[in-house]
Protein backbone atom coordinates (compact mmCIF):
# COMPACT_ATOMS: atom_id res chain seq x y z
CA UNK A 1 -28.23 -57.55 55.83
CA UNK A 2 -30.39 -55.07 56.44
CA UNK A 3 -29.90 -52.89 59.24
CA UNK A 4 -33.35 -53.26 61.53
CA UNK A 5 -32.83 -51.22 64.84
CA UNK A 6 -34.09 -53.56 67.55
CA UNK A 7 -33.57 -50.74 69.95
CA UNK A 8 -35.74 -48.46 67.78
CA UNK A 9 -38.33 -51.21 67.77
CA UNK A 10 -38.48 -51.90 71.35
CA UNK A 11 -38.69 -48.39 72.12
CA UNK A 12 -41.39 -48.04 70.04
CA UNK A 13 -43.31 -50.68 71.85
CA UNK A 14 -42.30 -49.40 75.42
CA UNK A 15 -43.91 -46.23 74.45
CA UNK A 16 -47.27 -47.22 72.38
CA UNK A 17 -49.70 -45.55 74.63
CA UNK A 18 -52.59 -48.10 73.73
CA UNK A 19 -53.73 -51.25 71.57
CA UNK A 20 -53.97 -49.57 68.52
CA UNK A 21 -50.40 -47.80 68.71
CA UNK A 22 -48.99 -51.27 69.81
CA UNK A 23 -50.56 -52.97 66.29
CA UNK A 24 -49.21 -50.48 64.27
CA UNK A 25 -45.52 -50.76 65.51
CA UNK A 26 -46.36 -54.66 65.30
CA UNK A 27 -46.97 -54.52 61.63
CA UNK A 28 -44.36 -52.55 61.09
CA UNK A 29 -41.91 -54.94 62.34
CA UNK A 30 -43.52 -58.29 61.85
CA UNK A 31 -46.53 -57.51 59.35
CA UNK A 32 -46.60 -58.65 55.49
CA UNK A 33 -43.82 -55.91 54.74
CA UNK A 34 -42.41 -55.64 58.14
CA UNK A 35 -38.70 -54.65 58.87
CA UNK A 36 -38.14 -58.11 60.42
CA UNK A 37 -40.26 -60.01 57.88
CA UNK A 38 -38.17 -58.80 55.16
CA UNK A 39 -35.20 -60.09 56.92
CA UNK A 40 -36.67 -63.51 57.29
CA UNK A 41 -37.36 -63.30 53.62
CA UNK A 42 -33.50 -62.65 52.78
CA UNK A 43 -32.54 -66.36 54.64
CA UNK A 44 -34.00 -67.78 51.32
CA UNK A 45 -31.36 -66.03 49.01
CA UNK A 46 -28.46 -66.96 51.40
CA UNK A 47 -25.77 -69.79 51.28
CA UNK A 48 -26.32 -72.49 53.87
CA UNK A 49 -22.99 -71.13 56.15
CA UNK A 50 -24.38 -67.68 55.63
CA UNK A 51 -28.24 -69.16 57.00
CA UNK A 52 -26.60 -70.88 59.83
CA UNK A 53 -25.00 -67.56 60.77
CA UNK A 54 -27.67 -65.43 60.31
CA UNK A 55 -30.90 -67.60 60.75
CA UNK A 56 -30.62 -67.42 64.70
CA UNK A 57 -29.90 -63.75 64.78
CA UNK A 58 -32.67 -63.09 62.65
CA UNK A 59 -35.22 -65.51 64.52
CA UNK A 60 -33.84 -64.20 67.92
CA UNK A 61 -34.79 -60.70 66.68
CA UNK A 62 -38.14 -61.70 65.73
CA UNK A 63 -38.75 -63.87 69.49
CA UNK A 64 -37.38 -60.64 71.27
CA UNK A 65 -39.64 -58.46 69.52
CA UNK A 66 -42.88 -60.97 69.81
CA UNK A 67 -42.06 -61.11 73.58
CA UNK A 68 -41.82 -57.23 73.89
CA UNK A 69 -45.25 -57.02 72.30
CA UNK A 70 -46.80 -59.37 74.33
CA UNK A 71 -45.50 -58.14 77.28
CA UNK A 72 -46.45 -54.66 76.60
CA UNK A 73 -50.11 -55.90 75.37
CA UNK A 74 -50.40 -57.19 78.82
CA UNK A 75 -49.68 -54.11 80.75
CA UNK A 76 -51.79 -52.07 78.72
CA UNK A 77 -54.95 -54.23 79.97
């Protein structure tokens, strides 16, 4: 599995000073060629067993990043 640092992404979200900076972090993680999106794309090439193991981990990462983005966006308003 490609190494994506959840701590690094969450730290970047936490220090985003405004909506524009937050959007940069969002695109880097969840955009079309984002790091989390790239992980999601790897699921298609995995065996069913690998998918069963990795799918919830990758989707959990995506959910946590999405939640952190939403919380930070609210804090900036």
